[in-house]
Amino acid sequence: MGFLGEYRATRRDERELGEGVWRRAHDRFKRGLDRYHQILESVRAPELRAAAVPVANELADLLPRVRAVCMEAHLRAPSQNQDIPHSTAGYLSDVHRQLSRAGNAMAQAAEALTMARFAVSGSAAAPFACPADDAAGSRSADPSPTRRETSDAPAADRPGAVSGHPESPSAGTHSIRRRRAVVEEYVAAAEALMTAHAPRRG
């Protein structure tokens, strides 16, 4: 994108998102998404990449939804500073909280991909692990709640569990998918709040 294109995009963001809390929430989410894609470019392990690419697409599909929430929130309560606008029953504070959580979860998804990439790279350098080292293991980098449908995942993939097979990317791919699910849950929660408090028009 050239200078003129960047200028127009910035002006459009200022008009649609303002320069306050809604713009910051949107931009934080977008930075996390960009980071995930940057890390994905350096992933070479076939199994890990095959799992991470669909997740990247699914995460990218959430960005327009986040932008739509932020645009509607700015339309209802314009923000040009760091103060969350007043709203009935404080629902906009709840919306902002869910957006912030979505941004955090997006950053954690990128971190989970980084850890999975390092785990695969490390196993390639040392394919024969010592049993004592396996027993020590490494703790999961993802402390968040798991998706309900992954409750049958191996113990090595659960938060705080010990990984006995660091050479396998399976635990990393499960962690990445869980993070994606958490991101979507927070985005959906923000959308639900906006819908529940939609002003009557006409």
N, C-alpha and C. Protein backbone atom coordinates (compact mmCIF):
# COMPACT_ATOMS: atom_id res chain seq x y z
N MET A 1 0.85 -1.19 0.00
CA MET A 1 0.00 0.00 0.00
C MET A 1 0.89 1.24 0.00
N GLY A 2 0.65 2.17 -0.97
CA GLY A 2 1.43 3.38 -1.05
C GLY A 2 1.03 4.39 0.00
N PHE A 3 1.75 5.51 -0.03
CA PHE A 3 1.48 6.56 0.97
C PHE A 3 0.05 7.04 0.91
N LEU A 4 -0.46 7.28 -0.31
CA LEU A 4 -1.83 7.78 -0.45
C LEU A 4 -2.83 6.76 0.07
N GLY A 5 -2.58 5.48 -0.21
CA GLY A 5 -3.49 4.44 0.28
C GLY A 5 -3.48 4.37 1.80
N GLU A 6 -2.29 4.47 2.39
CA GLU A 6 -2.19 4.44 3.85
C GLU A 6 -2.89 5.65 4.46
N TYR A 7 -2.74 6.79 3.83
CA TYR A 7 -3.39 8.01 4.33
C TYR A 7 -4.90 7.87 4.31
N ARG A 8 -5.41 7.33 3.22
CA ARG A 8 -6.86 7.15 3.11
C ARG A 8 -7.37 6.14 4.13
N ALA A 9 -6.61 5.07 4.34
CA ALA A 9 -7.01 4.07 5.32
C ALA A 9 -7.03 4.66 6.72
N THR A 10 -6.03 5.48 7.03
CA THR A 10 -5.98 6.12 8.34
C THR A 10 -7.15 7.06 8.53
N ARG A 11 -7.45 7.84 7.52
CA ARG A 11 -8.58 8.77 7.60
C ARG A 11 -9.89 8.01 7.76
N ARG A 12 -10.03 6.89 7.05
CA ARG A 12 -11.25 6.09 7.16
C ARG A 12 -11.38 5.52 8.57
N ASP A 13 -10.26 5.04 9.13
CA ASP A 13 -10.30 4.51 10.50
C ASP A 13 -10.67 5.59 11.50
N GLU A 14 -10.13 6.79 11.32
CA GLU A 14 -10.47 7.89 12.23
C GLU A 14 -11.95 8.22 12.15
N ARG A 15 -12.50 8.16 10.95
CA ARG A 15 -13.91 8.49 10.76
C ARG A 15 -14.82 7.38 11.32
N GLU A 16 -14.45 6.13 11.07
CA GLU A 16 -15.33 5.02 11.45
C GLU A 16 -15.09 4.51 12.87
N LEU A 17 -13.86 4.66 13.37
CA LEU A 17 -13.51 4.09 14.68
C LEU A 17 -13.14 5.14 15.72
N GLY A 18 -12.93 6.38 15.27
CA GLY A 18 -12.49 7.41 16.20
C GLY A 18 -11.01 7.24 16.53
N GLU A 19 -10.60 7.87 17.63
CA GLU A 19 -9.20 7.78 18.07
C GLU A 19 -9.11 7.35 19.53
N GLY A 20 -10.21 6.84 20.05
CA GLY A 20 -10.25 6.46 21.45
C GLY A 20 -10.25 4.96 21.67
N VAL A 21 -11.08 4.52 22.61
CA VAL A 21 -11.04 3.12 23.06
C VAL A 21 -11.45 2.13 21.97
N TRP A 22 -12.36 2.53 21.09
CA TRP A 22 -12.82 1.58 20.06
C TRP A 22 -11.74 1.38 19.00
N ARG A 23 -11.06 2.44 18.67
CA ARG A 23 -9.95 2.33 17.71
C ARG A 23 -8.83 1.49 18.32
N ARG A 24 -8.51 1.70 19.57
CA ARG A 24 -7.45 0.94 20.22
C ARG A 24 -7.79 -0.55 20.30
N ALA A 25 -9.06 -0.85 20.60
CA ALA A 25 -9.48 -2.25 20.69
C ALA A 25 -9.35 -2.93 19.33
N HIS A 26 -9.77 -2.24 18.29
CA HIS A 26 -9.67 -2.79 16.94
C HIS A 26 -8.22 -2.99 16.53
N ASP A 27 -7.39 -1.98 16.76
CA ASP A 27 -6.00 -2.05 16.33
C ASP A 27 -5.22 -3.11 17.10
N ARG A 28 -5.55 -3.30 18.37
CA ARG A 28 -4.87 -4.33 19.14
C ARG A 28 -5.18 -5.72 18.59
N PHE A 29 -6.44 -5.93 18.24
CA PHE A 29 -6.84 -7.21 17.66
C PHE A 29 -6.11 -7.43 16.34
N LYS A 30 -6.05 -6.40 15.52
CA LYS A 30 -5.40 -6.51 14.22
C LYS A 30 -3.91 -6.78 14.36
N ARG A 31 -3.26 -6.16 15.33
CA ARG A 31 -1.83 -6.41 15.55
C ARG A 31 -1.58 -7.87 15.92
N GLY A 32 -2.45 -8.43 16.77
CA GLY A 32 -2.31 -9.83 17.14
C GLY A 32 -2.49 -10.74 15.94
N LEU A 33 -3.44 -10.40 15.08
CA LEU A 33 -3.66 -11.20 13.86
C LEU A 33 -2.45 -11.11 12.94
N ASP A 34 -1.93 -9.91 12.77
CA ASP A 34 -0.74 -9.74 11.92
C ASP A 34 0.43 -10.55 12.47
N ARG A 35 0.58 -10.55 13.80
CA ARG A 35 1.67 -11.30 14.41
C ARG A 35 1.52 -12.79 14.16
N TYR A 36 0.31 -13.30 14.26
CA TYR A 36 0.07 -14.73 14.00
C TYR A 36 0.52 -15.07 12.57
N HIS A 37 0.15 -14.23 11.60
CA HIS A 37 0.50 -14.51 10.21
C HIS A 37 2.01 -14.40 9.99
N GLN A 38 2.65 -13.49 10.68
CA GLN A 38 4.11 -13.37 10.56
C GLN A 38 4.80 -14.64 11.05
N ILE A 39 4.33 -15.16 12.18
CA ILE A 39 4.91 -16.39 12.71
C ILE A 39 4.62 -17.56 11.79
N LEU A 40 3.41 -17.60 11.25
CA LEU A 40 3.03 -18.69 10.36
C LEU A 40 3.96 -18.79 9.15
N GLU A 41 4.44 -17.66 8.66
CA GLU A 41 5.34 -17.66 7.51
C GLU A 41 6.63 -18.42 7.78
N SER A 42 7.02 -18.51 9.06
CA SER A 42 8.28 -19.19 9.40
C SER A 42 8.08 -20.64 9.79
N VAL A 43 6.83 -21.12 9.80
CA VAL A 43 6.56 -22.51 10.16
C VAL A 43 6.85 -23.40 8.96
N ARG A 44 7.67 -24.43 9.17
CA ARG A 44 8.03 -25.34 8.09
C ARG A 44 7.52 -26.76 8.31
N ALA A 45 7.24 -27.15 9.54
CA ALA A 45 6.78 -28.51 9.82
C ALA A 45 5.42 -28.73 9.15
N PRO A 46 5.30 -29.75 8.29
CA PRO A 46 4.06 -29.95 7.52
C PRO A 46 2.81 -30.08 8.38
N GLU A 47 2.89 -30.93 9.44
CA GLU A 47 1.70 -31.16 10.26
C GLU A 47 1.27 -29.89 10.98
N LEU A 48 2.23 -29.17 11.53
CA LEU A 48 1.91 -27.94 12.24
C LEU A 48 1.36 -26.89 11.28
N ARG A 49 1.97 -26.76 10.14
CA ARG A 49 1.49 -25.78 9.16
C ARG A 49 0.09 -26.13 8.66
N ALA A 50 -0.15 -27.42 8.43
CA ALA A 50 -1.47 -27.84 7.96
C ALA A 50 -2.56 -27.49 8.97
N ALA A 51 -2.22 -27.50 10.26
CA ALA A 51 -3.19 -27.14 11.29
C ALA A 51 -3.29 -25.64 11.48
N ALA A 52 -2.16 -24.94 11.33
CA ALA A 52 -2.12 -23.51 11.62
C ALA A 52 -2.72 -22.65 10.52
N VAL A 53 -2.65 -23.09 9.27
CA VAL A 53 -3.18 -22.30 8.16
C VAL A 53 -4.70 -22.12 8.25
N PRO A 54 -5.49 -23.19 8.45
CA PRO A 54 -6.94 -22.98 8.59
C PRO A 54 -7.28 -22.08 9.77
N VAL A 55 -6.53 -22.21 10.86
CA VAL A 55 -6.78 -21.34 12.02
C VAL A 55 -6.51 -19.89 11.65
N ALA A 56 -5.46 -19.66 10.87
CA ALA A 56 -5.15 -18.29 10.43
C ALA A 56 -6.32 -17.71 9.63
N ASN A 57 -6.91 -18.51 8.77
CA ASN A 57 -8.05 -18.04 7.97
C ASN A 57 -9.26 -17.76 8.85
N GLU A 58 -9.48 -18.63 9.83
CA GLU A 58 -10.63 -18.44 10.73
C GLU A 58 -10.44 -17.19 11.59
N LEU A 59 -9.22 -16.96 12.05
CA LEU A 59 -8.94 -15.76 12.83
C LEU A 59 -9.11 -14.51 11.97
N ALA A 60 -8.66 -14.58 10.73
CA ALA A 60 -8.81 -13.44 9.83
C ALA A 60 -10.28 -13.11 9.59
N ASP A 61 -11.13 -14.13 9.57
CA ASP A 61 -12.56 -13.91 9.37
C ASP A 61 -13.19 -13.16 10.54
N LEU A 62 -12.52 -13.16 11.69
CA LEU A 62 -13.07 -12.47 12.86
C LEU A 62 -12.79 -10.97 12.83
N LEU A 63 -11.78 -10.55 12.07
CA LEU A 63 -11.43 -9.12 12.06
C LEU A 63 -12.58 -8.23 11.58
N PRO A 64 -13.28 -8.57 10.48
CA PRO A 64 -14.42 -7.73 10.08
C PRO A 64 -15.50 -7.67 11.15
N ARG A 65 -15.67 -8.74 11.91
CA ARG A 65 -16.68 -8.75 12.97
C ARG A 65 -16.26 -7.82 14.11
N VAL A 66 -14.98 -7.84 14.45
CA VAL A 66 -14.48 -6.93 15.48
C VAL A 66 -14.63 -5.49 15.01
N ARG A 67 -14.29 -5.25 13.77
CA ARG A 67 -14.41 -3.88 13.24
C ARG A 67 -15.87 -3.42 13.27
N ALA A 68 -16.78 -4.32 12.91
CA ALA A 68 -18.20 -3.96 12.91
C ALA A 68 -18.66 -3.58 14.32
N VAL A 69 -18.23 -4.34 15.33
CA VAL A 69 -18.59 -4.02 16.71
C VAL A 69 -18.03 -2.67 17.10
N CYS A 70 -16.76 -2.44 16.78
CA CYS A 70 -16.12 -1.17 17.15
C CYS A 70 -16.76 0.01 16.42
N MET A 71 -17.11 -0.18 15.16
CA MET A 71 -17.76 0.90 14.41
C MET A 71 -19.12 1.24 15.01
N GLU A 72 -19.90 0.20 15.34
CA GLU A 72 -21.22 0.44 15.93
C GLU A 72 -21.09 1.08 17.30
N ALA A 73 -20.11 0.63 18.08
CA ALA A 73 -19.90 1.22 19.41
C ALA A 73 -19.51 2.68 19.29
N HIS A 74 -18.67 3.01 18.32
CA HIS A 74 -18.27 4.41 18.12
C HIS A 74 -19.45 5.24 17.63
N LEU A 75 -20.31 4.63 16.83
CA LEU A 75 -21.50 5.34 16.35
C LEU A 75 -22.43 5.67 17.51
N ARG A 76 -22.60 4.72 18.41
CA ARG A 76 -23.49 4.94 19.56
C ARG A 76 -22.87 5.86 20.60
N ALA A 77 -21.57 5.69 20.80
CA ALA A 77 -20.89 6.47 21.85
C ALA A 77 -19.49 6.81 21.37
N PRO A 78 -19.35 7.89 20.61
CA PRO A 78 -18.04 8.26 20.07
C PRO A 78 -16.98 8.41 21.16
N SER A 79 -15.78 7.93 20.82
CA SER A 79 -14.68 7.98 21.79
C SER A 79 -13.44 8.56 21.10
N GLN A 80 -12.88 9.60 21.73
CA GLN A 80 -11.67 10.22 21.22
C GLN A 80 -10.56 10.22 22.28
N ASN A 81 -10.80 9.53 23.39
CA ASN A 81 -9.78 9.44 24.44
C ASN A 81 -9.80 8.03 25.02
N GLN A 82 -9.18 7.86 26.17
CA GLN A 82 -9.06 6.53 26.77
C GLN A 82 -10.16 6.21 27.77
N ASP A 83 -11.16 7.06 27.87
CA ASP A 83 -12.28 6.82 28.78
C ASP A 83 -13.39 6.08 28.05
N ILE A 84 -13.85 5.00 28.65
CA ILE A 84 -14.96 4.25 28.05
C ILE A 84 -16.24 5.07 28.21
N PRO A 85 -16.95 5.33 27.14
CA PRO A 85 -18.16 6.17 27.22
C PRO A 85 -19.21 5.58 28.16
N HIS A 86 -19.99 6.46 28.75
CA HIS A 86 -21.08 6.04 29.62
C HIS A 86 -22.16 5.36 28.77
N SER A 87 -22.83 4.38 29.37
CA SER A 87 -23.91 3.69 28.67
C SER A 87 -24.88 3.13 29.69
N THR A 88 -26.07 2.80 29.22
CA THR A 88 -27.09 2.22 30.09
C THR A 88 -26.59 0.92 30.70
N ALA A 89 -26.63 0.85 32.03
CA ALA A 89 -26.18 -0.33 32.77
C ALA A 89 -24.72 -0.65 32.50
N GLY A 90 -23.99 0.30 31.91
CA GLY A 90 -22.57 0.09 31.67
C GLY A 90 -22.26 -0.99 30.64
N TYR A 91 -23.18 -1.21 29.71
CA TYR A 91 -22.96 -2.32 28.78
C TYR A 91 -21.77 -2.08 27.85
N LEU A 92 -21.48 -0.81 27.54
CA LEU A 92 -20.33 -0.55 26.69
C LEU A 92 -19.02 -0.90 27.38
N SER A 93 -18.99 -0.80 28.69
CA SER A 93 -17.81 -1.25 29.43
C SER A 93 -17.63 -2.77 29.26
N ASP A 94 -18.77 -3.47 29.27
CA ASP A 94 -18.71 -4.92 29.06
C ASP A 94 -18.28 -5.26 27.64
N VAL A 95 -18.75 -4.48 26.68
CA VAL A 95 -18.34 -4.70 25.29
C VAL A 95 -16.83 -4.50 25.15
N HIS A 96 -16.36 -3.40 25.73
CA HIS A 96 -14.92 -3.12 25.66
C HIS A 96 -14.11 -4.21 26.35
N ARG A 97 -14.63 -4.74 27.44
CA ARG A 97 -13.93 -5.81 28.16
C ARG A 97 -13.82 -7.06 27.28
N GLN A 98 -14.90 -7.40 26.60
CA GLN A 98 -14.86 -8.58 25.73
C GLN A 98 -13.91 -8.36 24.55
N LEU A 99 -13.88 -7.16 24.01
CA LEU A 99 -12.95 -6.86 22.92
C LEU A 99 -11.51 -6.94 23.40
N SER A 100 -11.26 -6.46 24.60
CA SER A 100 -9.91 -6.53 25.16
C SER A 100 -9.49 -7.98 25.37
N ARG A 101 -10.43 -8.78 25.85
CA ARG A 101 -10.13 -10.20 26.04
C ARG A 101 -9.86 -10.88 24.71
N ALA A 102 -10.62 -10.49 23.69
CA ALA A 102 -10.39 -11.06 22.36
C ALA A 102 -9.00 -10.70 21.86
N GLY A 103 -8.58 -9.45 22.09
CA GLY A 103 -7.25 -9.04 21.69
C GLY A 103 -6.17 -9.80 22.43
N ASN A 104 -6.37 -10.01 23.73
CA ASN A 104 -5.41 -10.79 24.52
C ASN A 104 -5.33 -12.22 24.01
N ALA A 105 -6.50 -12.82 23.75
CA ALA A 105 -6.54 -14.20 23.29
C ALA A 105 -5.89 -14.33 21.91
N MET A 106 -6.04 -13.31 21.08
CA MET A 106 -5.39 -13.33 19.77
C MET A 106 -3.88 -13.33 19.93
N ALA A 107 -3.38 -12.48 20.84
CA ALA A 107 -1.93 -12.46 21.10
C ALA A 107 -1.46 -13.81 21.63
N GLN A 108 -2.28 -14.45 22.45
CA GLN A 108 -1.92 -15.75 23.01
C GLN A 108 -1.94 -16.84 21.93
N ALA A 109 -2.81 -16.68 20.93
CA ALA A 109 -2.81 -17.63 19.82
C ALA A 109 -1.49 -17.55 19.06
N ALA A 110 -1.02 -16.33 18.85
CA ALA A 110 0.27 -16.15 18.19
C ALA A 110 1.40 -16.75 19.05
N GLU A 111 1.29 -16.56 20.35
CA GLU A 111 2.31 -17.12 21.25
C GLU A 111 2.26 -18.65 21.21
N ALA A 112 1.06 -19.22 21.18
CA ALA A 112 0.93 -20.67 21.12
C ALA A 112 1.56 -21.22 19.84
N LEU A 113 1.40 -20.49 18.73
CA LEU A 113 2.01 -20.93 17.48
C LEU A 113 3.53 -20.84 17.57
N THR A 114 4.02 -19.80 18.22
CA THR A 114 5.47 -19.67 18.41
C THR A 114 6.02 -20.83 19.22
N MET A 115 5.34 -21.16 20.31
CA MET A 115 5.80 -22.26 21.17
C MET A 115 5.76 -23.59 20.42
N ALA A 116 4.72 -23.80 19.62
CA ALA A 116 4.61 -25.03 18.85
C ALA A 116 5.74 -25.12 17.82
N ARG A 117 6.05 -24.00 17.20
CA ARG A 117 7.14 -23.98 16.22
C ARG A 117 8.47 -24.31 16.89
N PHE A 118 8.71 -23.71 18.05
CA PHE A 118 9.96 -23.98 18.77
C PHE A 118 10.03 -25.44 19.20
N ALA A 119 8.90 -26.00 19.65
CA ALA A 119 8.88 -27.39 20.09
C ALA A 119 9.23 -28.33 18.95
N VAL A 120 8.67 -28.06 17.78
CA VAL A 120 8.97 -28.90 16.62
C VAL A 120 10.43 -28.74 16.20
N SER A 121 10.92 -27.51 16.21
CA SER A 121 12.32 -27.26 15.83
C SER A 121 13.26 -27.93 16.81
N GLY A 122 12.94 -27.86 18.11
CA GLY A 122 13.78 -28.47 19.12
C GLY A 122 13.80 -29.98 19.01
N SER A 123 12.66 -30.58 18.67
CA SER A 123 12.61 -32.03 18.56
C SER A 123 13.39 -32.51 17.34
N ALA A 124 13.43 -31.65 16.29
CA ALA A 124 14.20 -32.03 15.11
C ALA A 124 15.69 -32.04 15.42
N ALA A 125 16.09 -31.13 16.33
CA ALA A 125 17.51 -31.07 16.69
C ALA A 125 17.89 -32.18 17.64
N ALA A 126 16.93 -32.66 18.44
CA ALA A 126 17.21 -33.70 19.43
C ALA A 126 16.11 -34.73 19.39
N PRO A 127 16.13 -35.65 18.39
CA PRO A 127 15.03 -36.60 18.21
C PRO A 127 14.94 -37.64 19.30
N PHE A 128 16.04 -37.90 20.03
CA PHE A 128 16.01 -38.93 21.06
C PHE A 128 16.04 -38.26 22.42
N ALA A 129 14.87 -38.18 23.04
CA ALA A 129 14.77 -37.50 24.33
C ALA A 129 15.07 -38.47 25.45
N CYS A 130 15.69 -37.94 26.50
CA CYS A 130 15.98 -38.74 27.69
C CYS A 130 14.70 -38.97 28.46
N PRO A 131 14.44 -40.19 28.95
CA PRO A 131 13.22 -40.44 29.72
C PRO A 131 13.09 -39.49 30.91
N ALA A 132 14.23 -39.18 31.55
CA ALA A 132 14.16 -38.27 32.69
C ALA A 132 13.70 -36.89 32.25
N ASP A 133 14.16 -36.48 31.06
CA ASP A 133 13.73 -35.19 30.55
C ASP A 133 12.26 -35.21 30.22
N ASP A 134 11.82 -36.36 29.66
CA ASP A 134 10.39 -36.49 29.35
C ASP A 134 9.56 -36.38 30.61
N ALA A 135 10.05 -36.95 31.68
CA ALA A 135 9.30 -36.91 32.93
C ALA A 135 9.18 -35.50 33.44
N ALA A 136 10.25 -34.71 33.22
CA ALA A 136 10.21 -33.33 33.68
C ALA A 136 9.25 -32.53 32.81
N GLY A 137 9.43 -32.69 31.47
CA GLY A 137 8.52 -32.05 30.52
C GLY A 137 8.55 -30.54 30.61
N SER A 138 7.62 -29.93 29.90
CA SER A 138 7.46 -28.48 29.96
C SER A 138 6.00 -28.17 30.12
N ARG A 139 5.70 -27.12 30.86
CA ARG A 139 4.32 -26.78 31.15
C ARG A 139 3.72 -26.05 29.97
N SER A 140 2.44 -26.22 29.78
CA SER A 140 1.77 -25.60 28.64
C SER A 140 1.86 -24.10 28.72
N ALA A 141 2.02 -23.46 27.55
CA ALA A 141 2.09 -22.00 27.51
C ALA A 141 0.71 -21.38 27.44
N ASP A 142 -0.32 -22.20 27.41
CA ASP A 142 -1.68 -21.70 27.25
C ASP A 142 -2.49 -21.96 28.50
N PRO A 143 -2.65 -20.95 29.41
CA PRO A 143 -3.34 -21.17 30.67
C PRO A 143 -4.84 -20.99 30.58
N SER A 144 -5.39 -20.73 29.40
CA SER A 144 -6.79 -20.41 29.30
C SER A 144 -7.66 -21.65 29.30
N PRO A 145 -8.99 -21.46 29.52
CA PRO A 145 -9.90 -22.61 29.51
C PRO A 145 -9.89 -23.29 28.16
N THR A 146 -10.09 -24.61 28.16
CA THR A 146 -10.09 -25.36 26.91
C THR A 146 -11.48 -25.35 26.29
N ARG A 147 -11.53 -25.65 25.02
CA ARG A 147 -12.82 -25.82 24.37
C ARG A 147 -13.46 -27.10 24.87
N ARG A 148 -14.78 -27.07 24.93
CA ARG A 148 -15.49 -28.23 25.44
C ARG A 148 -15.25 -29.46 24.58
N GLU A 149 -15.18 -29.25 23.26
CA GLU A 149 -15.04 -30.40 22.38
C GLU A 149 -13.64 -30.99 22.39
N THR A 150 -12.69 -30.38 23.10
CA THR A 150 -11.34 -30.94 23.17
C THR A 150 -11.07 -31.55 24.53
N SER A 151 -12.11 -31.87 25.28
CA SER A 151 -11.91 -32.43 26.62
C SER A 151 -11.27 -33.80 26.57
N ASP A 152 -11.32 -34.45 25.39
CA ASP A 152 -10.69 -35.75 25.28
C ASP A 152 -9.26 -35.64 24.74
N ALA A 153 -8.72 -34.42 24.73
CA ALA A 153 -7.34 -34.24 24.28
C ALA A 153 -6.40 -34.90 25.25
N PRO A 154 -5.22 -35.31 24.78
CA PRO A 154 -4.25 -35.96 25.67
C PRO A 154 -3.84 -35.04 26.80
N ALA A 155 -3.46 -35.66 27.92
CA ALA A 155 -3.12 -34.89 29.11
C ALA A 155 -2.02 -33.89 28.83
N ALA A 156 -1.12 -34.19 27.89
CA ALA A 156 -0.02 -33.29 27.59
C ALA A 156 -0.49 -31.97 27.02
N ASP A 157 -1.74 -31.95 26.52
CA ASP A 157 -2.24 -30.76 25.88
C ASP A 157 -3.08 -29.89 26.79
N ARG A 158 -3.31 -30.32 28.03
CA ARG A 158 -4.15 -29.56 28.93
C ARG A 158 -3.32 -28.57 29.72
N PRO A 159 -3.93 -27.42 30.08
CA PRO A 159 -3.16 -26.40 30.79
C PRO A 159 -2.51 -26.97 32.03
N GLY A 160 -1.21 -26.71 32.19
CA GLY A 160 -0.49 -27.16 33.37
C GLY A 160 -0.07 -28.59 33.32
N ALA A 161 -0.43 -29.32 32.26
CA ALA A 161 -0.07 -30.73 32.19
C ALA A 161 1.35 -30.88 31.73
N VAL A 162 1.91 -32.06 31.94
CA VAL A 162 3.27 -32.36 31.54
C VAL A 162 3.26 -33.02 30.19
N SER A 163 4.10 -32.55 29.30
CA SER A 163 4.17 -33.13 27.96
C SER A 163 5.20 -34.23 27.92
N GLY A 164 4.77 -35.41 27.56
CA GLY A 164 5.69 -36.54 27.49
C GLY A 164 6.23 -36.75 26.10
N HIS A 165 5.70 -36.04 25.10
CA HIS A 165 6.14 -36.24 23.74
C HIS A 165 6.39 -34.90 23.06
N PRO A 166 7.46 -34.20 23.45
CA PRO A 166 7.71 -32.89 22.87
C PRO A 166 7.99 -32.94 21.39
N GLU A 167 8.32 -34.14 20.85
CA GLU A 167 8.66 -34.21 19.44
C GLU A 167 7.43 -34.18 18.56
N SER A 168 6.24 -34.32 19.12
CA SER A 168 5.02 -34.32 18.33
C SER A 168 4.37 -32.94 18.35
N PRO A 169 3.93 -32.42 17.18
CA PRO A 169 3.28 -31.12 17.14
C PRO A 169 1.82 -31.17 17.55
N SER A 170 1.29 -32.36 17.92
CA SER A 170 -0.13 -32.48 18.22
C SER A 170 -0.56 -31.56 19.35
N ALA A 171 0.22 -31.54 20.44
CA ALA A 171 -0.14 -30.70 21.57
C ALA A 171 -0.19 -29.25 21.15
N GLY A 172 0.77 -28.83 20.33
CA GLY A 172 0.79 -27.45 19.87
C GLY A 172 -0.40 -27.12 19.01
N THR A 173 -0.81 -28.03 18.14
CA THR A 173 -1.96 -27.75 17.27
C THR A 173 -3.25 -27.68 18.07
N HIS A 174 -3.38 -28.53 19.09
CA HIS A 174 -4.57 -28.46 19.95
C HIS A 174 -4.61 -27.12 20.67
N SER A 175 -3.47 -26.67 21.16
CA SER A 175 -3.42 -25.39 21.87
C SER A 175 -3.81 -24.24 20.96
N ILE A 176 -3.33 -24.27 19.72
CA ILE A 176 -3.66 -23.20 18.77
C ILE A 176 -5.16 -23.19 18.49
N ARG A 177 -5.74 -24.37 18.30
CA ARG A 177 -7.19 -24.43 18.02
C ARG A 177 -8.00 -23.94 19.22
N ARG A 178 -7.54 -24.28 20.42
CA ARG A 178 -8.24 -23.80 21.61
C ARG A 178 -8.22 -22.28 21.67
N ARG A 179 -7.06 -21.69 21.39
CA ARG A 179 -6.95 -20.23 21.43
C ARG A 179 -7.90 -19.60 20.42
N ARG A 180 -7.98 -20.20 19.22
CA ARG A 180 -8.89 -19.65 18.22
C ARG A 180 -10.33 -19.66 18.71
N ALA A 181 -10.70 -20.76 19.37
CA ALA A 181 -12.05 -20.87 19.90
C ALA A 181 -12.31 -19.81 20.97
N VAL A 182 -11.33 -19.56 21.81
CA VAL A 182 -11.49 -18.56 22.86
C VAL A 182 -11.64 -17.17 22.25
N VAL A 183 -10.84 -16.87 21.24
CA VAL A 183 -10.96 -15.58 20.56
C VAL A 183 -12.37 -15.39 20.02
N GLU A 184 -12.88 -16.41 19.35
CA GLU A 184 -14.22 -16.29 18.76
C GLU A 184 -15.29 -16.15 19.84
N GLU A 185 -15.12 -16.81 20.95
CA GLU A 185 -16.10 -16.70 22.04
C GLU A 185 -16.19 -15.27 22.54
N TYR A 186 -15.05 -14.61 22.69
CA TYR A 186 -15.05 -13.23 23.17
C TYR A 186 -15.65 -12.28 22.15
N VAL A 187 -15.34 -12.51 20.87
CA VAL A 187 -15.93 -11.67 19.82
C VAL A 187 -17.44 -11.85 19.80
N ALA A 188 -17.90 -13.10 19.88
CA ALA A 188 -19.34 -13.37 19.88
C ALA A 188 -20.01 -12.73 21.09
N ALA A 189 -19.33 -12.73 22.24
CA ALA A 189 -19.90 -12.12 23.44
C ALA A 189 -20.07 -10.61 23.25
N ALA A 190 -19.09 -9.97 22.61
CA ALA A 190 -19.20 -8.53 22.33
C ALA A 190 -20.36 -8.26 21.38
N GLU A 191 -20.49 -9.09 20.35
CA GLU A 191 -21.59 -8.93 19.40
C GLU A 191 -22.94 -9.10 20.10
N ALA A 192 -23.03 -10.08 20.98
CA ALA A 192 -24.30 -10.33 21.68
C ALA A 192 -24.68 -9.14 22.56
N LEU A 193 -23.72 -8.53 23.20
CA LEU A 193 -23.99 -7.36 24.04
C LEU A 193 -24.50 -6.20 23.19
N MET A 194 -23.89 -5.99 22.04
CA MET A 194 -24.34 -4.91 21.17
C MET A 194 -25.75 -5.16 20.66
N THR A 195 -26.03 -6.41 20.34
CA THR A 195 -27.38 -6.75 19.85
C THR A 195 -28.42 -6.59 20.95
N ALA A 196 -28.08 -7.02 22.15
CA ALA A 196 -29.02 -6.95 23.27
C ALA A 196 -29.35 -5.52 23.65
N HIS A 197 -28.44 -4.59 23.38
CA HIS A 197 -28.66 -3.18 23.74
C HIS A 197 -28.80 -2.29 22.53
N ALA A 198 -29.21 -2.88 21.42
CA ALA A 198 -29.37 -2.10 20.19
C ALA A 198 -30.48 -1.08 20.37
N PRO A 199 -30.23 0.17 20.01
CA PRO A 199 -31.28 1.19 20.15
C PRO A 199 -32.39 0.97 19.15
N ARG A 200 -33.56 1.35 19.53
CA ARG A 200 -34.70 1.23 18.61
C ARG A 200 -34.60 2.35 17.58
N ARG A 201 -34.66 1.97 16.33
CA ARG A 201 -34.57 2.95 15.27
C ARG A 201 -35.95 3.14 14.61
N GLY A 202 -36.23 4.38 14.32
CA GLY A 202 -37.51 4.69 13.69
C GLY A 202 -38.62 4.70 14.71
